[in-house]
C-alpha cells in the first residue's frame, strides 16, 4: 500500500491530473496557502504625535518632536521632553508606556527607568527621551540633532 500525501502542491496536482489519475487528484486535499497576519500599523508620524500628546497631557516640560529620518537610520522621529523632578520623569515614562500599551503598541525597549534621570523608550521608528532638566541641558540632544527638522515644540 502506498501512502498518499495529505496535501498536494499545485505542481503535484497537475502531475497527477496529467498522468490520468484524476480520481486520486480529486481526492487530494487542496493546498491552502497561509496568509500573513496583517496587523494595523500606526505610521511613525502618528505615533510621534500621540507621544507628544501623552507627554503634554502629563505636564511634561518643553516637549520637542524632531524628524530624524533624513539624518539617521536609527529612527524616523525623536520625542524629547522633561519632567520637573525624578518622580515626574518616572511618571511620564510610565504614562507613555501604559497608554501606548492600551493602544496595542509595545515598546521594543526601555532604558534608565531605575535612575529616572534620563529614560529612553524605543518604539522602533520613534525614540522617546524623558529627561530631568539637568541631564537634558548637559546632553543637549536638540543641539546634537540640530540638522533634524523640528516638527513640534510644546513649551
Protein backbone atom coordinates (compact mmCIF):
# COMPACT_ATOMS: atom_id res chain seq x y z
CA UNK A 1 0.00 0.00 0.00
CA UNK A 2 1.41 3.36 -0.99
CA UNK A 3 0.97 6.40 1.23
CA UNK A 4 -0.80 9.32 -0.33
CA UNK A 5 0.36 12.75 0.85
CA UNK A 6 -2.33 14.57 2.74
CA UNK A 7 -1.60 17.85 0.97
CA UNK A 8 -0.57 18.30 -2.63
CA UNK A 9 1.12 21.24 -4.17
CA UNK A 10 -0.21 22.74 -7.36
CA UNK A 11 2.63 21.06 -9.30
CA UNK A 12 1.77 17.66 -7.79
CA UNK A 13 -1.92 18.14 -8.65
CA UNK A 14 -1.01 18.97 -12.23
CA UNK A 15 1.28 15.93 -12.44
CA UNK A 16 -1.45 13.63 -11.11
CA UNK A 17 -4.02 15.09 -13.48
CA UNK A 18 -1.63 14.70 -16.43
CA UNK A 19 -0.88 11.08 -15.51
CA UNK A 20 -4.57 10.24 -15.86
CA UNK A 21 -5.15 9.57 -12.19
CA UNK A 22 -7.94 12.14 -11.95
CA UNK A 23 -9.69 10.25 -9.13
CA UNK A 24 -6.61 10.50 -6.87
CA UNK A 25 -6.18 14.17 -7.79
CA UNK A 26 -9.82 14.87 -6.98
CA UNK A 27 -9.50 13.16 -3.56
CA UNK A 28 -6.39 15.09 -2.55
CA UNK A 29 -6.89 17.99 -0.20
CA UNK A 30 -6.29 21.38 -1.76
CA UNK A 31 -3.26 23.34 -0.74
CA UNK A 32 -4.17 26.32 1.39
CA UNK A 33 -1.51 29.00 1.34
CA UNK A 34 -1.34 30.75 4.69
CA UNK A 35 -1.93 34.46 4.52
CA UNK A 36 0.30 36.60 6.68
CA UNK A 37 -1.45 38.27 9.59
CA UNK A 38 -1.89 41.91 8.79
CA UNK A 39 -1.98 44.00 11.91
CA UNK A 40 -3.00 47.61 11.81
CA UNK A 41 0.24 49.56 11.91
CA UNK A 42 0.48 53.13 13.07
CA UNK A 43 2.52 55.50 10.95
CA UNK A 44 5.68 56.81 12.65
CA UNK A 45 4.45 60.42 12.44
CA UNK A 46 1.12 59.47 14.04
CA UNK A 47 2.91 57.57 16.79
CA UNK A 48 5.23 60.51 17.47
CA UNK A 49 2.27 62.91 17.62
CA UNK A 50 0.46 60.56 20.00
CA UNK A 51 3.53 60.51 22.28
CA UNK A 52 3.73 64.33 22.22
CA UNK A 53 0.05 64.44 23.18
CA UNK A 54 0.55 61.97 26.05
CA UNK A 55 3.60 63.85 27.37
CA UNK A 56 1.79 67.19 27.19
CA UNK A 57 -1.27 65.77 28.95
CA UNK A 58 1.01 64.64 31.80
CA UNK A 59 2.52 68.13 32.14
CA UNK A 60 5.88 67.39 30.54
CA UNK A 61 8.08 70.45 30.12
CA UNK A 62 9.39 71.62 26.72
CA UNK A 63 8.18 68.75 24.52
CA UNK A 64 10.03 68.60 21.18
CA UNK A 65 9.42 66.31 18.22
CA UNK A 66 12.27 66.03 15.72
CA UNK A 67 12.07 64.33 12.31
CA UNK A 68 15.35 62.43 12.17
CA UNK A 69 14.67 60.24 9.11
CA UNK A 70 16.74 62.49 6.84
CA UNK A 71 19.80 62.48 9.12
CA UNK A 72 19.91 58.93 10.54
CA UNK A 73 18.57 55.43 10.01
CA UNK A 74 18.22 54.99 13.76
CA UNK A 75 14.64 56.29 13.90
CA UNK A 76 12.22 58.47 11.96
CA UNK A 77 11.38 60.66 14.96
CA UNK A 78 12.74 61.64 18.36
CA UNK A 79 10.40 62.96 21.01
CA UNK A 80 12.29 64.79 23.75
CA UNK A 81 10.68 66.09 26.93
CA UNK A 82 11.48 66.87 30.54
CA UNK A 83 9.94 66.29 33.92
CA UNK A 84 10.48 68.76 36.75
CA UNK A 85 11.57 66.06 39.22
CA UNK A 86 12.91 62.50 39.11
CA UNK A 87 9.47 61.30 40.17
CA UNK A 88 7.78 63.14 37.29
CA UNK A 89 10.33 61.71 34.81
CA UNK A 90 9.37 58.24 36.03
CA UNK A 91 5.64 59.02 35.88
CA UNK A 92 5.91 60.48 32.36
CA UNK A 93 7.74 57.41 31.05
CA UNK A 94 5.28 55.04 32.70
CA UNK A 95 2.27 57.01 31.42
CA UNK A 96 3.56 56.87 27.83
CA UNK A 97 4.30 53.13 28.04
CA UNK A 98 0.93 52.34 29.67
CA UNK A 99 -1.18 54.45 27.29
CA UNK A 100 0.53 53.06 24.19
CA UNK A 101 0.20 49.51 25.53
CA UNK A 102 -3.53 50.18 25.89
CA UNK A 103 -3.47 51.23 22.22
CA UNK A 104 -1.80 47.90 21.34
CA UNK A 105 1.68 49.38 20.85
CA UNK A 106 4.55 47.92 22.85
CA UNK A 107 7.98 49.41 23.36
CA UNK A 108 10.89 47.45 21.91
CA UNK A 109 12.99 48.52 24.86
CA UNK A 110 13.31 50.90 27.78
CA UNK A 111 16.44 52.16 29.49
CA UNK A 112 17.07 54.30 32.56
CA UNK A 113 13.83 53.68 34.43
CA UNK A 114 15.68 52.81 37.64
CA UNK A 115 17.62 56.07 37.92
CA UNK A 116 14.83 58.19 36.39
CA UNK A 117 17.19 60.97 35.27
CA UNK A 118 17.03 60.05 31.58
CA UNK A 119 14.55 57.43 30.41
CA UNK A 120 14.77 56.21 26.83
CA UNK A 121 11.79 54.39 25.27
CA UNK A 122 12.38 52.66 21.94
CA UNK A 123 9.36 52.26 19.69
CA UNK A 124 11.41 51.39 16.60
CA UNK A 125 10.60 54.29 14.31
CA UNK A 126 10.15 56.65 17.27
CA UNK A 127 12.56 57.06 20.16
CA UNK A 128 11.38 58.91 23.27
CA UNK A 129 13.77 60.69 25.64
CA UNK A 130 12.36 61.78 29.00
CA UNK A 131 14.91 63.87 30.89
CA UNK A 132 15.40 65.51 34.23
CA UNK A 133 16.20 69.20 33.47
CA UNK A 134 19.91 68.97 34.36
CA UNK A 135 20.52 65.92 32.15
CA UNK A 136 18.65 67.46 29.24
CA UNK A 137 20.82 70.57 29.44
CA UNK A 138 24.01 68.54 29.85
CA UNK A 139 23.45 66.12 26.96
CA UNK A 140 21.81 68.66 24.63
CA UNK A 141 20.18 66.26 22.19
CA UNK A 142 18.49 69.13 20.35
CA UNK A 143 21.96 70.58 19.68
CA UNK A 144 23.36 67.18 18.65
CA UNK A 145 20.46 66.63 16.24
CA UNK A 146 20.25 70.24 15.06
CA UNK A 147 20.15 69.04 11.43
CA UNK A 148 16.85 67.27 12.12
CA UNK A 149 13.63 69.12 11.34
CA UNK A 150 11.73 70.30 14.39
CA UNK A 151 8.12 69.29 13.79
CA UNK A 152 6.51 70.23 17.11
CA UNK A 153 7.55 72.17 20.18
CA UNK A 154 5.21 72.47 23.18
CA UNK A 155 6.64 74.81 25.79
